[in-house]
Amino acid sequence: MPVILTLCPRTRTATCSERALGAPMGGKRHSQVTNSHHFAPGATPKVTRAEFPAIMAPVANTAKSSTVPAIPHGALHVIAPARLHGVKGKPDMVAVGTVIWLASELMFFAALFAAYFNLRNHTTAMAAPGEQTMWEWGSGHFMQDWFGVTLPWFSLINTTVLVLSSVTCQLGVFRAEKGFVSRTGSIVNVGSWGMREWYILTFVMGAFFIGGQGYEYFLLASEGFLLGTNAYSSAFFLATGFHGLHVLGGLLAFLFMIGRTYLARTFTHEQRVHAIVTSYYWHFVDIVWIILFSVIYIIR
């Protein structure tokens, strides 16, 4: 970096600064020399060879703590400090982009909800008095009589597992933010788990949800509830099917994140951000499913 020697017009003191090309003055790397280096008004600052080390000492001390690439413990090559620790006060563009993308996904599911409600209202209005509506016919396939109570029990259990997976995912994020990638104690000691163990558990719970949804599709198909049966069944499979695809995408993201922790020798800021944005996505699909489940299975 170029070192610039400037003269303060008010105090007449010499000032050294170190900055990148095009960077504004007055940053953290600006250091002022002691008042012993005065210059007469109108004089041109001149520094002797003997005085130069004293003037440059503040800049040298700053350079030692500056963002100079280094090889962290366990790494094989130099890693830029911005990749290791991020840039303080600056939002991460990956996180910002993920939030914007999830906003567009929200609009997609909002369109599916609008289609479902519109179809439900029209088919109910078209039904003759006393005739079973298409919605009543469809929602009857989801109910099970367990313990003398008629509820969508199977879907309720599946939903509970998915909601709890959001909790385990967030616990993994807390560990990632503290830099704990893997467990620090026994596998049975949950308190010592790192991000990797919590994410593996989240993956298993998400896979359970997908397996349960596939089994429910199988049961519905055996009862004649198919994608092309009528308009209601089409709306049901489109809404729940697209959500299932999003859950599968989240499972792939978890696999990629877990595999990355095994391959990487150093847990960097980039990997921490990767873990956080993966949790953003997982929380999103959980919230969407809670709304879907309430609308399709619960709200009569």
Protein backbone atom coordinates (compact mmCIF):
# COMPACT_ATOMS: atom_id res chain seq x y z
CA MET A 1 0.00 0.00 0.00
CA PRO A 2 1.32 3.56 -0.72
CA VAL A 3 2.30 5.63 2.32
CA ILE A 4 1.28 9.29 2.07
CA LEU A 5 2.89 12.07 4.12
CA THR A 6 0.57 15.07 4.49
CA LEU A 7 0.76 18.36 6.35
CA CYS A 8 -2.11 19.50 8.57
CA PRO A 9 -2.74 23.20 7.70
CA ARG A 10 -4.06 23.99 11.21
CA THR A 11 -1.58 22.26 13.53
CA ARG A 12 1.36 22.20 11.08
CA THR A 13 2.09 18.59 12.03
CA ALA A 14 3.20 15.84 9.71
CA THR A 15 0.69 13.03 9.18
CA CYS A 16 1.35 9.59 7.73
CA SER A 17 -1.41 7.55 6.22
CA GLU A 18 -1.55 4.19 4.50
CA ARG A 19 -4.46 3.58 2.11
CA ALA A 20 -5.33 1.61 -0.98
CA LEU A 21 -5.64 3.31 -4.31
CA GLY A 22 -8.93 5.21 -4.45
CA ALA A 23 -9.72 4.68 -0.74
CA PRO A 24 -10.93 7.71 1.27
CA MET A 25 -8.70 9.40 3.80
CA GLY A 26 -9.44 9.34 7.48
CA GLY A 27 -9.82 5.56 7.80
CA LYS A 28 -8.56 3.28 10.52
CA ARG A 29 -5.05 3.21 9.06
CA HIS A 30 -4.53 6.96 9.47
CA SER A 31 -2.01 7.82 12.16
CA GLN A 32 -0.72 11.22 13.25
CA VAL A 33 2.85 11.93 14.29
CA THR A 34 3.65 13.57 17.62
CA ASN A 35 3.71 17.35 17.86
CA SER A 36 7.52 17.41 17.78
CA HIS A 37 7.42 17.33 13.98
CA HIS A 38 6.36 20.92 13.23
CA PHE A 39 6.86 22.85 10.04
CA ALA A 40 6.80 26.57 9.43
CA PRO A 41 3.83 28.05 7.59
CA GLY A 42 4.29 27.71 3.85
CA ALA A 43 7.21 25.33 4.22
CA THR A 44 7.45 22.04 2.38
CA PRO A 45 7.54 19.02 4.73
CA LYS A 46 10.93 17.36 4.72
CA VAL A 47 11.77 14.25 6.65
CA THR A 48 15.32 13.10 7.23
CA ARG A 49 16.41 9.49 7.05
CA ALA A 50 16.80 9.42 10.84
CA GLU A 51 13.28 10.79 11.44
CA PHE A 52 11.57 8.51 8.94
CA PRO A 53 11.47 5.33 11.14
CA ALA A 54 9.85 7.29 13.99
CA ILE A 55 7.25 8.74 11.64
CA MET A 56 6.54 5.38 10.06
CA ALA A 57 6.26 3.50 13.40
CA PRO A 58 2.49 4.05 13.79
CA VAL A 59 1.89 2.83 10.26
CA ALA A 60 4.10 -0.21 10.86
CA ASN A 61 2.18 -1.07 14.02
CA THR A 62 -1.09 -0.75 12.12
CA ALA A 63 0.17 -2.98 9.33
CA LYS A 64 0.88 -5.77 11.82
CA SER A 65 -2.80 -5.90 12.75
CA SER A 66 -4.13 -5.14 9.27
CA THR A 67 -6.01 -7.50 7.01
CA VAL A 68 -2.96 -9.27 5.61
CA PRO A 69 -3.61 -12.77 4.23
CA ALA A 70 -2.15 -15.48 6.43
CA ILE A 71 -2.12 -19.27 6.75
CA PRO A 72 -4.42 -20.18 9.68
CA HIS A 73 -3.86 -23.25 11.82
CA GLY A 74 -4.60 -26.43 9.89
CA ALA A 75 -4.86 -24.74 6.49
CA LEU A 76 -2.67 -25.60 3.51
CA HIS A 77 -2.69 -22.22 1.81
CA VAL A 78 -3.12 -18.54 2.49
CA ILE A 79 -6.71 -17.45 3.28
CA ALA A 80 -7.76 -13.82 3.03
CA PRO A 81 -8.96 -12.35 6.35
CA ALA A 82 -12.28 -11.37 4.76
CA ARG A 83 -12.91 -15.05 4.09
CA LEU A 84 -11.89 -16.04 7.59
CA HIS A 85 -13.68 -13.38 9.63
CA GLY A 86 -15.82 -11.37 7.22
CA VAL A 87 -15.93 -7.59 6.98
CA LYS A 88 -17.22 -5.87 10.11
CA GLY A 89 -20.20 -3.61 9.51
CA LYS A 90 -20.83 -4.95 6.01
CA PRO A 91 -23.74 -7.34 5.34
CA ASP A 92 -22.80 -10.56 3.61
CA MET A 93 -24.01 -10.59 0.03
CA VAL A 94 -24.79 -14.32 0.14
CA ALA A 95 -27.18 -13.79 3.06
CA VAL A 96 -28.80 -10.77 1.39
CA GLY A 97 -29.22 -12.66 -1.87
CA THR A 98 -30.75 -15.63 -0.07
CA VAL A 99 -33.34 -13.43 1.65
CA ILE A 100 -34.29 -11.82 -1.67
CA TRP A 101 -34.58 -15.22 -3.33
CA LEU A 102 -36.76 -16.55 -0.50
CA ALA A 103 -39.03 -13.52 -0.96
CA SER A 104 -39.58 -14.60 -4.58
CA GLU A 105 -40.27 -18.14 -3.40
CA LEU A 106 -42.86 -16.75 -1.00
CA MET A 107 -44.67 -15.17 -3.95
CA PHE A 108 -44.65 -18.55 -5.70
CA PHE A 109 -46.34 -20.28 -2.79
CA ALA A 110 -48.72 -17.35 -2.39
CA ALA A 111 -49.91 -18.04 -5.94
CA LEU A 112 -50.49 -21.71 -5.05
CA PHE A 113 -52.48 -20.68 -1.98
CA ALA A 114 -54.56 -18.29 -4.07
CA ALA A 115 -55.30 -21.04 -6.61
CA TYR A 116 -56.30 -23.43 -3.83
CA PHE A 117 -58.70 -21.00 -2.14
CA ASN A 118 -60.19 -19.92 -5.46
CA LEU A 119 -60.79 -23.52 -6.50
CA ARG A 120 -62.22 -24.43 -3.11
CA ASN A 121 -64.72 -21.54 -3.21
CA HIS A 122 -65.85 -22.24 -6.78
CA THR A 123 -66.33 -25.98 -6.33
CA THR A 124 -68.25 -25.41 -3.09
CA ALA A 125 -70.55 -22.89 -4.80
CA MET A 126 -71.16 -25.26 -7.73
CA ALA A 127 -72.26 -28.16 -5.51
CA ALA A 128 -76.00 -28.81 -5.37
CA PRO A 129 -77.76 -28.34 -1.99
CA GLY A 130 -77.07 -31.34 0.22
CA GLU A 131 -74.43 -32.69 -2.17
CA GLN A 132 -70.93 -33.42 -0.88
CA THR A 133 -68.54 -30.76 -2.06
CA MET A 134 -65.28 -31.60 -3.75
CA TRP A 135 -63.38 -30.20 -0.79
CA GLU A 136 -65.32 -32.37 1.69
CA TRP A 137 -64.64 -35.40 -0.46
CA GLY A 138 -60.92 -34.63 -0.64
CA SER A 139 -60.35 -33.69 2.99
CA GLY A 140 -62.04 -36.92 4.12
CA HIS A 141 -59.07 -38.90 2.73
CA PHE A 142 -56.69 -37.28 5.21
CA MET A 143 -58.49 -38.28 8.40
CA GLN A 144 -57.76 -41.23 10.68
CA ASP A 145 -59.72 -42.35 13.70
CA TRP A 146 -57.12 -42.96 16.41
CA PHE A 147 -57.97 -43.20 20.11
CA GLY A 148 -61.57 -42.32 19.27
CA VAL A 149 -60.55 -38.95 17.82
CA THR A 150 -60.78 -38.19 14.10
CA LEU A 151 -57.82 -36.12 13.00
CA PRO A 152 -55.18 -36.19 10.24
CA TRP A 153 -52.95 -38.07 12.68
CA PHE A 154 -50.38 -39.30 10.20
CA SER A 155 -49.85 -35.85 8.71
CA LEU A 156 -49.81 -34.33 12.19
CA ILE A 157 -46.92 -36.57 13.26
CA ASN A 158 -45.07 -35.83 10.04
CA THR A 159 -45.56 -32.11 10.57
CA THR A 160 -44.33 -32.29 14.17
CA VAL A 161 -41.10 -33.92 13.04
CA LEU A 162 -40.53 -31.22 10.42
CA VAL A 163 -41.19 -28.40 12.90
CA LEU A 164 -38.79 -29.93 15.43
CA SER A 165 -36.15 -30.20 12.70
CA SER A 166 -36.22 -26.41 12.51
CA VAL A 167 -35.24 -26.34 16.20
CA THR A 168 -32.31 -28.71 15.68
CA CYS A 169 -31.22 -26.68 12.66
CA GLN A 170 -31.11 -23.49 14.71
CA LEU A 171 -29.11 -25.22 17.43
CA GLY A 172 -26.60 -26.10 14.72
CA VAL A 173 -26.46 -22.45 13.68
CA PHE A 174 -25.71 -21.38 17.26
CA ARG A 175 -22.77 -23.80 17.34
CA ALA A 176 -21.55 -22.64 13.93
CA GLU A 177 -21.60 -19.00 15.05
CA LYS A 178 -19.33 -19.96 17.96
CA GLY A 179 -16.99 -21.93 15.69
CA PHE A 180 -17.85 -25.41 17.02
CA VAL A 181 -18.00 -27.55 13.89
CA SER A 182 -17.89 -31.01 15.47
CA ARG A 183 -18.68 -32.36 18.92
CA THR A 184 -16.27 -31.79 21.77
CA GLY A 185 -17.34 -34.79 23.86
CA SER A 186 -19.19 -38.07 23.67
CA ILE A 187 -21.88 -38.60 21.05
CA VAL A 188 -24.41 -39.23 23.81
CA ASN A 189 -23.60 -35.84 25.35
CA VAL A 190 -25.91 -33.63 23.33
CA GLY A 191 -24.52 -30.52 24.99
CA SER A 192 -21.14 -31.14 23.36
CA TRP A 193 -22.53 -31.47 19.84
CA GLY A 194 -21.27 -29.17 17.14
CA MET A 195 -22.89 -27.83 14.04
CA ARG A 196 -22.23 -31.06 12.13
CA GLU A 197 -24.12 -33.33 14.55
CA TRP A 198 -27.13 -31.00 14.74
CA TYR A 199 -27.27 -30.71 10.97
CA ILE A 200 -27.05 -34.47 10.55
CA LEU A 201 -29.99 -34.87 12.92
CA THR A 202 -31.89 -32.19 10.99
CA PHE A 203 -31.19 -34.05 7.76
CA VAL A 204 -32.53 -37.31 9.23
CA MET A 205 -35.71 -35.58 10.42
CA GLY A 206 -36.21 -33.94 7.04
CA ALA A 207 -35.72 -37.29 5.31
CA PHE A 208 -38.33 -38.78 7.66
CA PHE A 209 -40.78 -36.08 6.57
CA ILE A 210 -40.18 -36.80 2.88
CA GLY A 211 -40.59 -40.54 3.50
CA GLY A 212 -43.83 -39.90 5.37
CA GLN A 213 -45.15 -37.71 2.61
CA GLY A 214 -44.32 -40.35 0.04
CA TYR A 215 -46.14 -42.97 2.11
CA GLU A 216 -49.18 -40.68 2.37
CA TYR A 217 -49.18 -40.25 -1.42
CA PHE A 218 -49.16 -44.05 -1.73
CA LEU A 219 -52.17 -44.38 0.58
CA LEU A 220 -54.07 -41.66 -1.26
CA ALA A 221 -53.35 -43.29 -4.62
CA SER A 222 -54.67 -46.62 -3.32
CA GLU A 223 -57.93 -44.85 -2.46
CA GLY A 224 -58.27 -43.32 -5.94
CA PHE A 225 -57.01 -39.87 -4.89
CA LEU A 226 -54.70 -39.11 -7.83
CA LEU A 227 -53.30 -36.02 -9.51
CA GLY A 228 -55.78 -36.25 -12.39
CA THR A 229 -58.84 -37.36 -10.37
CA ASN A 230 -60.38 -33.88 -10.14
CA ALA A 231 -59.45 -30.24 -9.66
CA TYR A 232 -59.12 -30.54 -5.88
CA SER A 233 -56.68 -33.46 -6.01
CA SER A 234 -54.64 -31.57 -8.61
CA ALA A 235 -54.41 -28.52 -6.32
CA PHE A 236 -53.43 -30.72 -3.37
CA PHE A 237 -50.63 -32.53 -5.18
CA LEU A 238 -49.31 -29.33 -6.76
CA ALA A 239 -49.12 -27.47 -3.44
CA THR A 240 -47.72 -30.31 -1.32
CA GLY A 241 -45.58 -31.68 -4.15
CA PHE A 242 -43.78 -28.41 -4.82
CA HIS A 243 -43.19 -28.03 -1.11
CA GLY A 244 -41.76 -31.55 -1.01
CA LEU A 245 -39.34 -30.60 -3.80
CA HIS A 246 -38.22 -27.63 -1.74
CA VAL A 247 -37.62 -29.91 1.24
CA LEU A 248 -35.51 -32.17 -0.98
CA GLY A 249 -33.51 -29.11 -2.02
CA GLY A 250 -32.93 -28.33 1.64
CA LEU A 251 -31.71 -31.87 2.29
CA LEU A 252 -29.21 -31.52 -0.55
CA ALA A 253 -28.03 -28.23 0.96
CA PHE A 254 -27.48 -29.97 4.30
CA LEU A 255 -25.52 -32.76 2.63
CA PHE A 256 -23.33 -30.23 0.86
CA MET A 257 -22.76 -28.28 4.08
CA ILE A 258 -21.94 -31.40 6.11
CA GLY A 259 -19.58 -32.69 3.41
CA ARG A 260 -17.86 -29.33 3.27
CA THR A 261 -17.07 -29.49 7.00
CA TYR A 262 -15.37 -32.86 6.51
CA LEU A 263 -13.28 -31.68 3.55
CA ALA A 264 -12.27 -28.25 4.83
CA ARG A 265 -9.33 -27.96 7.20
CA THR A 266 -10.36 -24.55 8.52
CA PHE A 267 -13.86 -23.34 9.36
CA THR A 268 -14.04 -19.96 7.66
CA HIS A 269 -16.52 -17.10 7.69
CA GLU A 270 -17.78 -18.28 4.30
CA GLN A 271 -18.72 -21.68 5.73
CA ARG A 272 -20.39 -19.99 8.69
CA VAL A 273 -22.49 -17.91 6.30
CA HIS A 274 -23.26 -21.06 4.31
CA ALA A 275 -24.59 -22.71 7.47
CA ILE A 276 -26.70 -19.65 8.34
CA VAL A 277 -28.30 -19.23 4.91
CA THR A 278 -29.07 -22.95 4.84
CA SER A 279 -31.00 -22.44 8.07
CA TYR A 280 -32.83 -19.50 6.46
CA TYR A 281 -34.05 -21.81 3.72
CA TRP A 282 -35.00 -24.59 6.12
CA HIS A 283 -36.99 -22.27 8.37
CA PHE A 284 -38.74 -20.96 5.27
CA VAL A 285 -39.91 -24.40 4.10
CA ASP A 286 -41.03 -25.17 7.66
CA ILE A 287 -43.15 -22.02 7.88
CA VAL A 288 -44.67 -22.66 4.45
CA TRP A 289 -45.58 -26.20 5.48
CA ILE A 290 -47.22 -25.03 8.71
CA ILE A 291 -49.47 -22.76 6.63
CA LEU A 292 -50.13 -25.50 4.08
CA PHE A 293 -50.94 -28.03 6.76
CA SER A 294 -53.30 -25.63 8.52
CA VAL A 295 -55.13 -24.70 5.32
CA ILE A 296 -55.45 -28.18 3.80
CA TYR A 297 -55.68 -30.47 6.83
CA ILE A 298 -56.99 -28.41 9.76
CA ILE A 299 -59.14 -25.43 8.73
CA ARG A 300 -62.56 -26.83 7.91
